[in-house]
N, C-alpha and C. Protein backbone atom coordinates (compact mmCIF):
# COMPACT_ATOMS: atom_id res chain seq x y z
N MET A 1 99.54 117.35 95.00
CA MET A 1 100.52 116.58 95.70
C MET A 1 99.82 115.68 96.72
N ALA A 2 100.06 114.39 96.64
CA ALA A 2 99.45 113.41 97.54
C ALA A 2 100.35 113.18 98.75
N ASP A 3 99.71 112.98 99.89
CA ASP A 3 100.44 112.75 101.13
C ASP A 3 99.54 111.99 102.09
N THR A 4 100.12 111.39 103.10
CA THR A 4 99.36 110.77 104.17
C THR A 4 99.63 111.56 105.44
N VAL A 5 98.56 112.01 106.06
CA VAL A 5 98.63 112.82 107.27
C VAL A 5 98.10 111.97 108.42
N ILE A 6 98.70 112.09 109.59
CA ILE A 6 98.25 111.37 110.78
C ILE A 6 97.54 112.35 111.70
N VAL A 7 96.33 111.99 112.13
CA VAL A 7 95.56 112.82 113.06
C VAL A 7 95.11 111.97 114.24
N ASP A 8 94.76 112.66 115.33
CA ASP A 8 94.23 111.95 116.50
C ASP A 8 92.73 111.74 116.29
N SER A 9 92.27 110.55 116.57
CA SER A 9 90.85 110.23 116.47
C SER A 9 90.42 109.54 117.75
N ALA A 10 89.96 110.33 118.71
CA ALA A 10 89.51 109.80 120.01
C ALA A 10 90.56 108.90 120.64
N GLY A 11 91.81 109.37 120.63
CA GLY A 11 92.88 108.63 121.27
C GLY A 11 93.58 107.61 120.40
N ALA A 12 93.18 107.46 119.16
CA ALA A 12 93.84 106.55 118.23
C ALA A 12 94.42 107.36 117.07
N GLN A 13 95.47 106.84 116.48
CA GLN A 13 96.06 107.48 115.32
C GLN A 13 95.28 107.07 114.08
N MET A 14 94.89 108.05 113.26
CA MET A 14 94.16 107.76 112.03
C MET A 14 94.85 108.46 110.87
N LYS A 15 95.04 107.72 109.78
CA LYS A 15 95.63 108.31 108.59
C LYS A 15 94.54 108.99 107.76
N LEU A 16 94.94 110.08 107.11
CA LEU A 16 94.11 110.74 106.10
C LEU A 16 94.92 110.74 104.82
N TYR A 17 94.34 110.23 103.75
CA TYR A 17 94.97 110.36 102.45
C TYR A 17 94.59 111.74 101.95
N GLU A 18 95.57 112.58 101.64
CA GLU A 18 95.31 113.97 101.29
C GLU A 18 95.97 114.31 99.97
N VAL A 19 95.22 114.98 99.10
CA VAL A 19 95.78 115.47 97.84
C VAL A 19 95.44 116.95 97.73
N LYS A 20 96.48 117.76 97.50
CA LYS A 20 96.29 119.21 97.36
C LYS A 20 96.46 119.60 95.90
N PRO A 21 95.69 120.60 95.47
CA PRO A 21 95.84 121.07 94.09
C PRO A 21 97.16 121.81 93.91
N GLU A 22 97.60 121.89 92.66
CA GLU A 22 98.83 122.61 92.37
C GLU A 22 98.61 124.11 92.36
N GLY A 23 97.43 124.56 91.98
CA GLY A 23 97.15 125.98 91.87
C GLY A 23 96.33 126.47 93.04
N ALA A 24 95.50 127.46 92.74
CA ALA A 24 94.64 128.06 93.76
C ALA A 24 93.66 127.03 94.31
N ILE A 25 93.40 127.12 95.60
CA ILE A 25 92.48 126.21 96.27
C ILE A 25 91.07 126.79 96.24
N LYS A 26 90.13 126.03 95.70
CA LYS A 26 88.72 126.44 95.64
C LYS A 26 87.97 126.08 96.91
N GLY A 27 88.39 125.04 97.59
CA GLY A 27 87.69 124.53 98.77
C GLY A 27 88.27 123.18 99.14
N ALA A 28 87.51 122.45 99.94
CA ALA A 28 87.96 121.13 100.38
C ALA A 28 86.81 120.14 100.34
N VAL A 29 87.15 118.87 100.14
CA VAL A 29 86.16 117.80 100.06
C VAL A 29 86.66 116.63 100.89
N ILE A 30 85.76 116.05 101.68
CA ILE A 30 86.07 114.80 102.39
C ILE A 30 85.50 113.66 101.56
N VAL A 31 86.35 112.75 101.17
CA VAL A 31 85.95 111.59 100.38
C VAL A 31 85.83 110.41 101.33
N ILE A 32 84.63 109.89 101.47
CA ILE A 32 84.41 108.75 102.36
C ILE A 32 84.67 107.46 101.59
N GLN A 33 85.48 106.62 102.19
CA GLN A 33 85.85 105.36 101.54
C GLN A 33 84.64 104.47 101.32
N GLU A 34 84.79 103.60 100.37
CA GLU A 34 83.82 102.52 100.19
C GLU A 34 84.08 101.50 101.30
N ALA A 35 83.36 100.44 101.29
CA ALA A 35 83.51 99.40 102.30
C ALA A 35 84.86 98.68 102.20
N PHE A 36 85.63 98.96 101.19
CA PHE A 36 86.84 98.20 100.90
C PHE A 36 88.12 98.90 101.34
N GLY A 37 88.01 100.05 101.98
CA GLY A 37 89.18 100.78 102.45
C GLY A 37 89.59 101.89 101.49
N ILE A 38 90.79 102.41 101.72
CA ILE A 38 91.32 103.46 100.85
C ILE A 38 91.98 102.77 99.66
N THR A 39 91.16 102.47 98.69
CA THR A 39 91.59 101.73 97.49
C THR A 39 92.19 102.69 96.46
N ASP A 40 92.73 102.13 95.39
CA ASP A 40 93.23 102.94 94.29
C ASP A 40 92.13 103.84 93.74
N HIS A 41 90.90 103.34 93.73
CA HIS A 41 89.77 104.14 93.22
C HIS A 41 89.56 105.38 94.08
N ILE A 42 89.59 105.23 95.41
CA ILE A 42 89.39 106.36 96.31
C ILE A 42 90.54 107.36 96.14
N MET A 43 91.75 106.86 96.01
CA MET A 43 92.89 107.75 95.78
C MET A 43 92.75 108.49 94.44
N ASP A 44 92.23 107.80 93.43
CA ASP A 44 92.00 108.44 92.13
C ASP A 44 90.94 109.54 92.23
N VAL A 45 89.86 109.28 92.98
CA VAL A 45 88.82 110.30 93.18
C VAL A 45 89.44 111.54 93.82
N CYS A 46 90.27 111.34 94.84
CA CYS A 46 90.94 112.47 95.49
C CYS A 46 91.81 113.23 94.50
N GLY A 47 92.53 112.51 93.68
CA GLY A 47 93.39 113.14 92.67
C GLY A 47 92.60 113.96 91.66
N ARG A 48 91.46 113.42 91.24
CA ARG A 48 90.64 114.15 90.28
C ARG A 48 90.05 115.41 90.89
N LEU A 49 89.66 115.34 92.16
CA LEU A 49 89.15 116.54 92.83
C LEU A 49 90.26 117.59 92.98
N ALA A 50 91.46 117.14 93.31
CA ALA A 50 92.59 118.07 93.42
C ALA A 50 92.89 118.72 92.07
N ALA A 51 92.76 117.96 91.00
CA ALA A 51 92.98 118.52 89.67
C ALA A 51 91.98 119.62 89.33
N GLU A 52 90.83 119.61 90.00
CA GLU A 52 89.81 120.64 89.80
C GLU A 52 89.95 121.79 90.80
N GLY A 53 90.97 121.72 91.66
CA GLY A 53 91.24 122.82 92.57
C GLY A 53 90.83 122.62 94.01
N TYR A 54 90.46 121.41 94.38
CA TYR A 54 90.00 121.14 95.74
C TYR A 54 91.03 120.32 96.52
N VAL A 55 91.21 120.66 97.79
CA VAL A 55 91.96 119.78 98.69
C VAL A 55 91.02 118.61 98.98
N ALA A 56 91.49 117.40 98.77
CA ALA A 56 90.65 116.22 99.00
C ALA A 56 91.33 115.35 100.06
N VAL A 57 90.55 114.95 101.05
CA VAL A 57 91.07 114.04 102.07
C VAL A 57 90.14 112.84 102.19
N ALA A 58 90.74 111.68 102.38
CA ALA A 58 89.98 110.45 102.59
C ALA A 58 90.46 109.83 103.90
N PRO A 59 89.63 109.90 104.95
CA PRO A 59 90.03 109.29 106.22
C PRO A 59 90.02 107.76 106.14
N HIS A 60 90.99 107.16 106.77
CA HIS A 60 91.06 105.69 106.84
C HIS A 60 90.11 105.24 107.94
N VAL A 61 88.87 105.01 107.59
CA VAL A 61 87.80 104.73 108.55
C VAL A 61 88.06 103.44 109.33
N PHE A 62 88.74 102.49 108.75
CA PHE A 62 89.00 101.22 109.42
C PHE A 62 90.32 101.23 110.21
N HIS A 63 90.76 102.40 110.65
CA HIS A 63 92.06 102.50 111.32
C HIS A 63 92.14 101.71 112.62
N ARG A 64 91.02 101.43 113.26
CA ARG A 64 91.05 100.66 114.51
C ARG A 64 91.00 99.15 114.29
N SER A 65 90.76 98.73 113.07
CA SER A 65 90.68 97.28 112.81
C SER A 65 91.72 96.83 111.78
N GLY A 66 92.85 97.51 111.77
CA GLY A 66 93.95 97.06 110.93
C GLY A 66 94.14 97.84 109.64
N ASP A 67 93.23 98.76 109.32
CA ASP A 67 93.34 99.61 108.13
C ASP A 67 93.54 98.81 106.84
N PRO A 68 92.70 97.80 106.62
CA PRO A 68 92.90 96.96 105.44
C PRO A 68 92.42 97.62 104.15
N VAL A 69 92.98 97.17 103.06
CA VAL A 69 92.43 97.42 101.73
C VAL A 69 91.96 96.04 101.27
N ILE A 70 90.66 95.92 101.04
CA ILE A 70 90.04 94.62 100.77
C ILE A 70 89.61 94.57 99.31
N GLY A 71 89.82 93.45 98.67
CA GLY A 71 89.44 93.29 97.28
C GLY A 71 87.93 93.41 97.09
N TYR A 72 87.54 93.96 95.96
CA TYR A 72 86.11 94.15 95.66
C TYR A 72 85.34 92.83 95.62
N ASP A 73 86.04 91.73 95.43
CA ASP A 73 85.38 90.43 95.37
C ASP A 73 85.39 89.71 96.72
N LYS A 74 85.73 90.42 97.79
CA LYS A 74 85.85 89.80 99.12
C LYS A 74 84.92 90.46 100.13
N MET A 75 83.66 90.58 99.78
CA MET A 75 82.69 91.27 100.63
C MET A 75 82.60 90.65 102.03
N GLN A 76 82.76 89.35 102.15
CA GLN A 76 82.68 88.71 103.47
C GLN A 76 83.77 89.23 104.41
N GLU A 77 84.93 89.61 103.86
CA GLU A 77 86.02 90.14 104.68
C GLU A 77 85.72 91.55 105.18
N VAL A 78 84.83 92.25 104.51
CA VAL A 78 84.47 93.62 104.86
C VAL A 78 83.62 93.67 106.14
N ILE A 79 82.75 92.70 106.30
CA ILE A 79 81.72 92.75 107.34
C ILE A 79 82.29 92.97 108.75
N PRO A 80 83.33 92.27 109.17
CA PRO A 80 83.83 92.53 110.53
C PRO A 80 84.31 93.97 110.73
N HIS A 81 84.86 94.57 109.70
CA HIS A 81 85.34 95.95 109.80
C HIS A 81 84.18 96.93 109.90
N ILE A 82 83.16 96.69 109.11
CA ILE A 82 81.97 97.55 109.17
C ILE A 82 81.27 97.39 110.53
N MET A 83 81.17 96.18 110.99
CA MET A 83 80.49 95.93 112.28
C MET A 83 81.28 96.52 113.46
N GLY A 84 82.57 96.73 113.26
CA GLY A 84 83.39 97.31 114.32
C GLY A 84 83.29 98.82 114.42
N LEU A 85 82.63 99.44 113.45
CA LEU A 85 82.47 100.91 113.48
C LEU A 85 81.43 101.30 114.52
N ASN A 86 81.70 102.39 115.20
CA ASN A 86 80.72 102.95 116.12
C ASN A 86 80.96 104.46 116.23
N ARG A 87 80.13 105.13 116.95
CA ARG A 87 80.23 106.58 117.07
C ARG A 87 81.58 107.06 117.60
N ALA A 88 82.12 106.33 118.54
CA ALA A 88 83.40 106.74 119.14
C ALA A 88 84.50 106.72 118.11
């Protein structure tokens, strides 16, 4: 079952895309997004992991810069979001 969960991230709201398996849970996996956001591909990876029995979550890493989903052919649009990442 896929869902979006909201968590606190150093004072900001961050979404996690979460997929839980239907049966017994074997463990959990954090799926780190590509430079393009939480794309259909990342959601599919989470779904495939859940089908194997794992809770899969993908944090929306770009939550402070608008949480975009950027086309794979738009690498120039990715750069400001990546440059905006920091430890905090």
